[in-house]
C-alpha atoms as a PDB file:
ATOM      1  CA  MET A   1      -0.023  -0.182  -0.302  1.00  0.00           C
ATOM      2  CA  ASN A   2       2.592   2.408   0.664  1.00  0.00           C
ATOM      3  CA  ALA A   3       4.639   1.742  -2.900  1.00  0.00           C
ATOM      4  CA  ASP A   4       0.904   2.520  -4.344  1.00  0.00           C
ATOM      5  CA  GLY A   5       0.700   5.051  -2.296  1.00  0.00           C
ATOM      6  CA  GLU A   6       3.685   6.869  -2.988  1.00  0.00           C
ATOM      7  CA  SER A   7       2.797   6.239  -7.059  1.00  0.00           C
ATOM      8  CA  ALA A   8      -0.519   8.072  -6.722  1.00  0.00           C
ATOM      9  CA  HIS A   9       1.302  10.601  -4.653  1.00  0.00           C
ATOM     10  CA  GLU A  10       4.197  11.013  -7.719  1.00  0.00           C
ATOM     11  CA  GLU A  11       3.173  13.800 -10.159  1.00  0.00           C
ATOM     12  CA  PRO A  12       4.138  13.786 -14.069  1.00  0.00           C
ATOM     13  CA  ILE A  13       7.062  15.926 -14.952  1.00  0.00           C
ATOM     14  CA  SER A  14       5.832  18.999 -16.950  1.00  0.00           C
ATOM     15  CA  GLU A  15       7.170  19.702 -20.561  1.00  0.00           C
ATOM     16  CA  GLU A  16       9.693  22.060 -19.354  1.00  0.00           C
ATOM     17  CA  GLU A  17      11.301  20.636 -16.554  1.00  0.00           C
ATOM     18  CA  ARG A  18      11.308  17.605 -18.708  1.00  0.00           C
ATOM     19  CA  LYS A  19      13.063  19.628 -21.821  1.00  0.00           C
ATOM     20  CA  GLU A  20      15.365  21.086 -18.932  1.00  0.00           C
ATOM     21  CA  MET A  21      16.799  17.491 -18.185  1.00  0.00           C
ATOM     22  CA  LEU A  22      17.348  16.453 -21.421  1.00  0.00           C
ATOM     23  CA  ASP A  23      19.988  19.963 -21.671  1.00  0.00           C
ATOM     24  CA  VAL A  24      21.582  18.787 -18.671  1.00  0.00           C
ATOM     25  CA  LEU A  25      22.191  15.032 -19.997  1.00  0.00           C
ATOM     26  CA  GLU A  26      22.815  16.943 -23.431  1.00  0.00           C
ATOM     27  CA  LYS A  27      26.107  18.885 -21.341  1.00  0.00           C
ATOM     28  CA  ASP A  28      26.621  16.327 -19.079  1.00  0.00           C
ATOM     29  CA  ALA A  29      26.725  14.064 -22.224  1.00  0.00           C
ATOM     30  CA  SER A  30      29.179  16.396 -23.994  1.00  0.00           C
ATOM     31  CA  GLN A  31      31.701  16.781 -21.245  1.00  0.00           C
ATOM     32  CA  VAL A  32      31.623  12.582 -20.866  1.00  0.00           C
ATOM     33  CA  ASP A  33      34.598  12.515 -23.354  1.00  0.00           C
ATOM     34  CA  ASP A  34      37.063  15.408 -21.980  1.00  0.00           C
ATOM     35  CA  VAL A  35      36.053  13.186 -18.489  1.00  0.00           C
ATOM     36  CA  VAL A  36      36.936  10.266 -19.982  1.00  0.00           C
ATOM     37  CA  MET A  37      40.066  11.929 -21.161  1.00  0.00           C
ATOM     38  CA  GLU A  38      41.262  12.980 -18.376  1.00  0.00           C
ATOM     39  CA  LEU A  39      40.577  10.214 -16.546  1.00  0.00           C
ATOM     40  CA  ARG A  40      42.752   8.312 -18.479  1.00  0.00           C
ATOM     41  CA  GLU A  41      45.553  11.191 -18.023  1.00  0.00           C
ATOM     42  CA  TYR A  42      45.245  10.682 -14.859  1.00  0.00           C
ATOM     43  CA  LEU A  43      45.434   6.437 -14.741  1.00  0.00           C
ATOM     44  CA  ALA A  44      48.645   7.120 -17.186  1.00  0.00           C
ATOM     45  CA  ASP A  45      50.215   9.364 -14.739  1.00  0.00           C
ATOM     46  CA  MET A  46      49.630   7.035 -12.000  1.00  0.00           C
ATOM     47  CA  GLU A  47      50.442   4.001 -13.634  1.00  0.00           C
ATOM     48  CA  VAL A  48      54.375   6.140 -13.941  1.00  0.00           C
ATOM     49  CA  ARG A  49      54.305   7.545 -10.631  1.00  0.00           C
ATOM     50  CA  HIS A  50      53.486   3.815  -9.844  1.00  0.00           C
ATOM     51  CA  GLU A  51      56.129   2.396 -11.717  1.00  0.00           C
ATOM     52  CA  ALA A  52      58.430   5.330  -9.949  1.00  0.00           C
ATOM     53  CA  ILE A  53      57.849   3.557  -6.561  1.00  0.00           C
ATOM     54  CA  ILE A  54      58.153   0.676  -7.802  1.00  0.00           C
ATOM     55  CA  ALA A  55      61.375   1.111  -9.415  1.00  0.00           C
ATOM     56  CA  HIS A  56      62.474   3.134  -6.544  1.00  0.00           C
ATOM     57  CA  VAL A  57      61.322   0.688  -3.603  1.00  0.00           C
ATOM     58  CA  ALA A  58      62.914  -1.880  -5.705  1.00  0.00           C
ATOM     59  CA  SER A  59      66.644   0.325  -5.638  1.00  0.00           C
ATOM     60  CA  GLN A  60      65.705   1.178  -1.250  1.00  0.00           C
ATOM     61  CA  ASN A  61      64.893  -3.238  -0.388  1.00  0.00           C
ATOM     62  CA  THR A  62      68.479  -3.176  -2.832  1.00  0.00           C
ATOM     63  CA  THR A  63      70.156  -0.653  -0.366  1.00  0.00           C
ATOM     64  CA  TYR A  64      68.783  -2.351   2.769  1.00  0.00           C
ATOM     65  CA  ASN A  65      70.155  -5.648   1.972  1.00  0.00           C
ATOM     66  CA  GLU A  66      73.321  -4.286   0.793  1.00  0.00           C
ATOM     67  CA  THR A  67      73.699  -2.182   4.204  1.00  0.00           C
ATOM     68  CA  THR A  68      72.963  -5.568   6.037  1.00  0.00           C
ATOM     69  CA  LYS A  69      75.295  -7.493   4.668  1.00  0.00           C
ATOM     70  CA  ALA A  70      77.900  -4.650   5.268  1.00  0.00           C
ATOM     71  CA  TYR A  71      76.382  -5.143   8.835  1.00  0.00           C
ATOM     72  CA  THR A  72      76.795  -8.869   8.591  1.00  0.00           C
ATOM     73  CA  ILE A  73      80.360  -8.895   7.900  1.00  0.00           C
ATOM     74  CA  LEU A  74      81.546  -5.391  10.070  1.00  0.00           C
ATOM     75  CA  GLU A  75      79.777  -7.309  12.569  1.00  0.00           C
ATOM     76  CA  ALA A  76      81.658 -10.572  11.809  1.00  0.00           C
ATOM     77  CA  VAL A  77      85.739  -8.687  11.342  1.00  0.00           C
ATOM     78  CA  GLY A  78      84.833  -6.446  14.357  1.00  0.00           C
ATOM     79  CA  SER A  79      84.424 -10.046  16.136  1.00  0.00           C
ATOM     80  CA  ARG A  80      87.588 -11.296  15.104  1.00  0.00           C
ATOM     81  CA  LEU A  81      89.154  -8.363  14.863  1.00  0.00           C
ATOM     82  CA  PRO A  82      91.146  -9.199  18.149  1.00  0.00           C
ATOM     83  CA  THR A  83      92.160 -12.289  16.652  1.00  0.00           C
ATOM     84  CA  TYR A  84      93.610 -10.216  13.210  1.00  0.00           C
ATOM     85  CA  ILE A  85      95.888  -8.156  15.969  1.00  0.00           C
ATOM     86  CA  ALA A  86      96.954 -10.269  18.259  1.00  0.00           C
ATOM     87  CA  ALA A  87      98.348 -11.905  14.908  1.00  0.00           C
ATOM     88  CA  SER A  88      99.883  -8.978  13.362  1.00  0.00           C
ATOM     89  CA  GLN A  89     101.576  -7.990  16.694  1.00  0.00           C
ATOM     90  CA  ASP A  90     102.843 -11.614  16.470  1.00  0.00           C
ATOM     91  CA  PHE A  91     103.979 -11.296  12.897  1.00  0.00           C
ATOM     92  CA  ARG A  92     105.982  -8.226  13.264  1.00  0.00           C
ATOM     93  CA  LEU A  93     107.391  -9.492  16.788  1.00  0.00           C
ATOM     94  CA  ARG A  94     108.493 -12.559  14.426  1.00  0.00           C
ATOM     95  CA  TRP A  95     109.413 -10.074  11.320  1.00  0.00           C
ATOM     96  CA  THR A  96     111.663  -8.257  13.857  1.00  0.00           C
ATOM     97  CA  GLU A  97     113.424 -11.512  14.806  1.00  0.00           C
ATOM     98  CA  THR A  98     113.698 -12.858  11.755  1.00  0.00           C
ATOM     99  CA  LYS A  99     115.099  -9.207   9.796  1.00  0.00           C
ATOM    100  CA  LEU A 100     117.283  -9.664  12.696  1.00  0.00           C
ATOM    101  CA  GLN A 101     118.783 -13.178  11.552  1.00  0.00           C
ATOM    102  CA  ILE A 102     118.436 -11.705   7.467  1.00  0.00           C
ATOM    103  CA  GLN A 103     120.553  -9.367   8.608  1.00  0.00           C
ATOM    104  CA  ASP A 104     122.829 -11.146  10.412  1.00  0.00           C
ATOM    105  CA  GLN A 105     122.900 -13.499   7.502  1.00  0.00           C
ATOM    106  CA  LEU A 106     123.533 -11.304   5.146  1.00  0.00           C
ATOM    107  CA  ALA A 107     126.522 -10.095   7.241  1.00  0.00           C
ATOM    108  CA  GLU A 108     127.643 -13.491   7.463  1.00  0.00           C
ATOM    109  CA  LEU A 109     127.530 -13.655   3.450  1.00  0.00           C
ATOM    110  CA  GLU A 110     129.198  -9.880   2.813  1.00  0.00           C
ATOM    111  CA  SER A 111     131.821 -12.217   4.985  1.00  0.00           C
ATOM    112  CA  MET A 112     132.032 -14.491   2.713  1.00  0.00           C
ATOM    113  CA  ARG A 113     131.919 -12.784  -0.462  1.00  0.00           C
ATOM    114  CA  LEU A 114     134.511 -10.481   0.291  1.00  0.00           C
ATOM    115  CA  PHE A 115     137.029 -12.911   1.604  1.00  0.00           C
ATOM    116  CA  TYR A 116     136.433 -14.957  -2.204  1.00  0.00           C
ATOM    117  CA  GLU A 117     136.846 -11.752  -4.253  1.00  0.00           C
ATOM    118  CA  ASN A 118     140.486 -11.297  -1.847  1.00  0.00           C
ATOM    119  CA  TYR A 119     141.007 -15.085  -2.388  1.00  0.00           C
ATOM    120  CA  HIS A 120     140.252 -14.767  -5.629  1.00  0.00           C
ATOM    121  CA  ALA A 121     142.075 -11.410  -6.203  1.00  0.00           C
ATOM    122  CA  SER A 122     145.346 -13.072  -4.229  1.00  0.00           C
ATOM    123  CA  TYR A 123     144.729 -16.884  -6.410  1.00  0.00           C
ATOM    124  CA  ASP A 124     145.339 -14.237  -9.564  1.00  0.00           C
ATOM    125  CA  SER A 125     148.579 -12.363  -8.143  1.00  0.00           C
ATOM    126  CA  MET A 126     149.887 -16.030  -7.423  1.00  0.00           C
ATOM    127  CA  ILE A 127     149.084 -16.791 -11.013  1.00  0.00           C
ATOM    128  CA  ILE A 128     150.832 -13.297 -12.137  1.00  0.00           C
ATOM    129  CA  GLU A 129     153.587 -13.882  -9.362  1.00  0.00           C
ATOM    130  CA  VAL A 130     155.110 -17.456 -10.333  1.00  0.00           C
ATOM    131  CA  PHE A 131     154.729 -16.530 -14.330  1.00  0.00           C
ATOM    132  CA  ARG A 132     157.194 -13.134 -13.193  1.00  0.00           C
ATOM    133  CA  ARG A 133     159.578 -16.227 -11.048  1.00  0.00           C
ATOM    134  CA  LYS A 134     159.511 -18.472 -14.055  1.00  0.00           C
ATOM    135  CA  GLN A 135     160.547 -15.458 -15.941  1.00  0.00           C
ATOM    136  CA  SER A 136     163.936 -14.092 -13.296  1.00  0.00           C
ATOM    137  CA  GLU A 137     164.499 -17.868 -13.053  1.00  0.00           C
ATOM    138  CA  GLU A 138     164.735 -18.315 -16.920  1.00  0.00           C
ATOM    139  CA  LYS A 139     166.860 -15.270 -17.296  1.00  0.00           C
ATOM    140  CA  ILE A 140     169.567 -16.135 -15.092  1.00  0.00           C
ATOM    141  CA  ARG A 141     169.180 -19.298 -16.343  1.00  0.00           C
ATOM    142  CA  GLY A 142     169.777 -17.715 -20.042  1.00  0.00           C
ATOM    143  CA  ILE A 143     172.713 -15.554 -17.948  1.00  0.00           C
ATOM    144  CA  VAL A 144     174.432 -18.648 -16.188  1.00  0.00           C
ATOM    145  CA  LYS A 145     173.908 -20.514 -20.016  1.00  0.00           C
ATOM    146  CA  LYS A 146     175.807 -17.529 -21.421  1.00  0.00           C
ATOM    147  CA  ALA A 147     178.344 -16.810 -18.578  1.00  0.00           C
ATOM    148  CA  MET A 148     179.696 -20.018 -19.072  1.00  0.00           C
ATOM    149  CA  GLU A 149     180.093 -20.481 -22.802  1.00  0.00           C
ATOM    150  CA  GLN A 150     182.789 -17.480 -21.990  1.00  0.00           C
ATOM    151  CA  ILE A 151     184.077 -19.792 -19.057  1.00  0.00           C
ATOM    152  CA  GLU A 152     184.136 -22.887 -20.617  1.00  0.00           C
ATOM    153  CA  LYS A 153     186.166 -21.005 -23.926  1.00  0.00           C
ATOM    154  CA  VAL A 154     188.592 -19.430 -21.053  1.00  0.00           C
ATOM    155  CA  TYR A 155     188.338 -22.545 -19.672  1.00  0.00           C
ATOM    156  CA  ALA A 156     189.782 -24.475 -22.639  1.00  0.00           C
ATOM    157  CA  ALA A 157     192.208 -21.323 -24.034  1.00  0.00           C
ATOM    158  CA  ASP A 158     193.866 -21.012 -20.322  1.00  0.00           C
ATOM    159  CA  THR A 159     193.938 -25.095 -20.776  1.00  0.00           C
ATOM    160  CA  ARG A 160     196.368 -25.293 -23.657  1.00  0.00           C
ATOM    161  CA  GLU A 161     198.263 -22.199 -22.231  1.00  0.00           C
ATOM    162  CA  ARG A 162     199.528 -23.908 -19.037  1.00  0.00           C
ATOM    163  CA  GLU A 163     199.829 -27.503 -21.110  1.00  0.00           C
ATOM    164  CA  GLY A 164     201.696 -25.178 -23.564  1.00  0.00           C
ATOM    165  CA  PHE A 165     203.858 -23.640 -20.942  1.00  0.00           C
ATOM    166  CA  ARG A 166     204.398 -26.644 -18.723  1.00  0.00           C
ATOM    167  CA  LEU A 167     206.007 -28.652 -22.058  1.00  0.00           C
ATOM    168  CA  ASP A 168     208.111 -24.950 -22.742  1.00  0.00           C
ATOM    169  CA  ALA A 169     209.255 -24.821 -19.480  1.00  0.00           C
ATOM    170  CA  GLY A 170     207.537 -26.252 -16.586  1.00  0.00           C
ATOM    171  CA  GLU A 171     210.292 -29.403 -16.629  1.00  0.00           C
ATOM    172  CA  TYR A 172     213.011 -27.076 -15.719  1.00  0.00           C
ATOM    173  CA  LEU A 173     211.495 -24.874 -12.954  1.00  0.00           C
ATOM    174  CA  PRO A 174     211.637 -26.590  -9.496  1.00  0.00           C
ATOM    175  CA  VAL A 175     209.098 -27.594  -8.005  1.00  0.00           C
ATOM    176  CA  ASP A 176     209.251 -25.191  -4.748  1.00  0.00           C
ATOM    177  CA  LEU A 177     209.891 -22.426  -6.884  1.00  0.00           C
ATOM    178  CA  PHE A 178     206.563 -22.439  -8.722  1.00  0.00           C
ATOM    179  CA  PRO A 179     204.382 -24.426  -6.394  1.00  0.00           C
ATOM    180  CA  GLY A 180     201.406 -25.846  -8.952  1.00  0.00           C
ATOM    181  CA  VAL A 181     203.124 -25.647 -11.823  1.00  0.00           C
ATOM    182  CA  ASN A 182     201.531 -28.305 -13.099  1.00  0.00           C
ATOM    183  CA  THR A 183     197.657 -28.001 -11.856  1.00  0.00           C
ATOM    184  CA  PRO A 184     195.224 -28.558 -14.407  1.00  0.00           C
ATOM    185  CA  ALA A 185     193.361 -25.068 -14.795  1.00  0.00           C
ATOM    186  CA  PRO A 186     190.530 -24.819 -11.844  1.00  0.00           C
ATOM    187  CA  ARG A 187     186.424 -25.648 -13.211  1.00  0.00           C
ATOM    188  CA  TRP A 188     184.383 -23.076 -12.928  1.00  0.00           C
ATOM    189  CA  GLU A 189     180.347 -23.183 -11.936  1.00  0.00           C
ATOM    190  CA  PHE A 190     177.326 -21.638 -11.243  1.00  0.00           C
ATOM    191  CA  VAL A 191     175.122 -22.853  -8.368  1.00  0.00           C
ATOM    192  CA  MET A 192     172.288 -21.600  -6.302  1.00  0.00           C
ATOM    193  CA  ALA A 193     173.487 -20.305  -2.746  1.00  0.00           C
ATOM    194  CA  GLU A 194     172.937 -22.743   0.110  1.00  0.00           C
ATOM    195  CA  GLY A 195     169.381 -22.922   1.810  1.00  0.00           C
ATOM    196  CA  GLN A 196     167.690 -21.176  -1.385  1.00  0.00           C
ATOM    197  CA  GLY A 197     167.163 -23.850  -3.096  1.00  0.00           C
ATOM    198  CA  GLY A 198     162.770 -24.342  -3.459  1.00  0.00           C
ATOM    199  CA  ALA A 199     160.360 -26.878  -4.993  1.00  0.00           C
ATOM    200  CA  SER A 200     160.465 -26.678  -9.155  1.00  0.00           C
ATOM    201  CA  LEU A 201     158.259 -23.615 -10.300  1.00  0.00           C
ATOM    202  CA  PRO A 202     154.644 -24.898 -12.349  1.00  0.00           C
ATOM    203  CA  ASP A 203     154.600 -24.038 -15.937  1.00  0.00           C
ATOM    204  CA  VAL A 204     151.558 -21.473 -16.627  1.00  0.00           C
ATOM    205  CA  GLU A 205     149.885 -21.204 -19.396  1.00  0.00           C
ATOM    206  CA  MET A 206     150.003 -17.933 -21.405  1.00  0.00           C
ATOM    207  CA  GLY A 207     146.451 -17.498 -21.742  1.00  0.00           C
ATOM    208  CA  VAL A 208     145.760 -18.262 -17.786  1.00  0.00           C
ATOM    209  CA  VAL A 209     148.153 -15.780 -16.766  1.00  0.00           C
ATOM    210  CA  GLU A 210     146.522 -13.294 -19.873  1.00  0.00           C
ATOM    211  CA  ALA A 211     143.124 -13.649 -17.633  1.00  0.00           C
ATOM    212  CA  ALA A 212     144.682 -13.409 -14.512  1.00  0.00           C
ATOM    213  CA  SER A 213     146.279  -9.920 -15.463  1.00  0.00           C
ATOM    214  CA  ARG A 214     143.124  -8.288 -17.182  1.00  0.00           C
ATOM    215  CA  ARG A 215     141.382  -9.583 -13.769  1.00  0.00           C
ATOM    216  CA  GLU A 216     144.083  -7.602 -12.104  1.00  0.00           C
ATOM    217  CA  ARG A 217     144.071  -4.475 -14.138  1.00  0.00           C
ATOM    218  CA  GLU A 218     140.129  -4.307 -13.633  1.00  0.00           C
ATOM    219  CA  ARG A 219     140.272  -3.913 -10.024  1.00  0.00           C
ATOM    220  CA  GLU A 220     142.849  -1.158 -10.195  1.00  0.00           C
ATOM    221  CA  ARG A 221     140.500   0.281 -11.887  1.00  0.00           C
ATOM    222  CA  THR A 222     137.175  -0.318  -9.996  1.00  0.00           C
ATOM    223  CA  GLU A 223     139.710   0.444  -7.222  1.00  0.00           C
ATOM    224  CA  ARG A 224     139.884   4.154  -8.533  1.00  0.00           C
END
């Protein structure tokens, strides 16, 4: 009854009201496309902003995860840091001891180097000295040989003269007047002084001597 009563009480709209209503609808209909276009633009803008927000959130999540990971690593390092410090101090002490040992060994090596350099230099000097003494000995022997040849000539001449004198006058002279008138000519020898003889000098090849002399000259230039 209420519905029927309400229908009964509704009054039909007038023509003028109907016209106004149609005008409003027509006017609103002309704006629908603009509103739809505006809504679409707004929707597109919101989608762009949504993508930007999603990217920003993803970036923030990545930063958060990386920061959390970094703090986790720092926490782990911090927990092991005392051990690292102790190991570093122990290494420093050991390195100090090792460095001292290395310095001592380097000093020993330097001493050995100097010793063997001096030994090498002395060995070269010995080679040169042996060669020099060998040359001196050969020169003396050559001089002695030439002198002995001259002495032999004088000896032979003296022997002839003595024999001739003995044959000519020696038999007629009393012995006490000229003792030794019939003695033969004395022979002369060159001998090394007593106590001066030693081991014979070895023969040294000329190439070995030249190499030793070259090294000796190089050392002298370096020392200058």
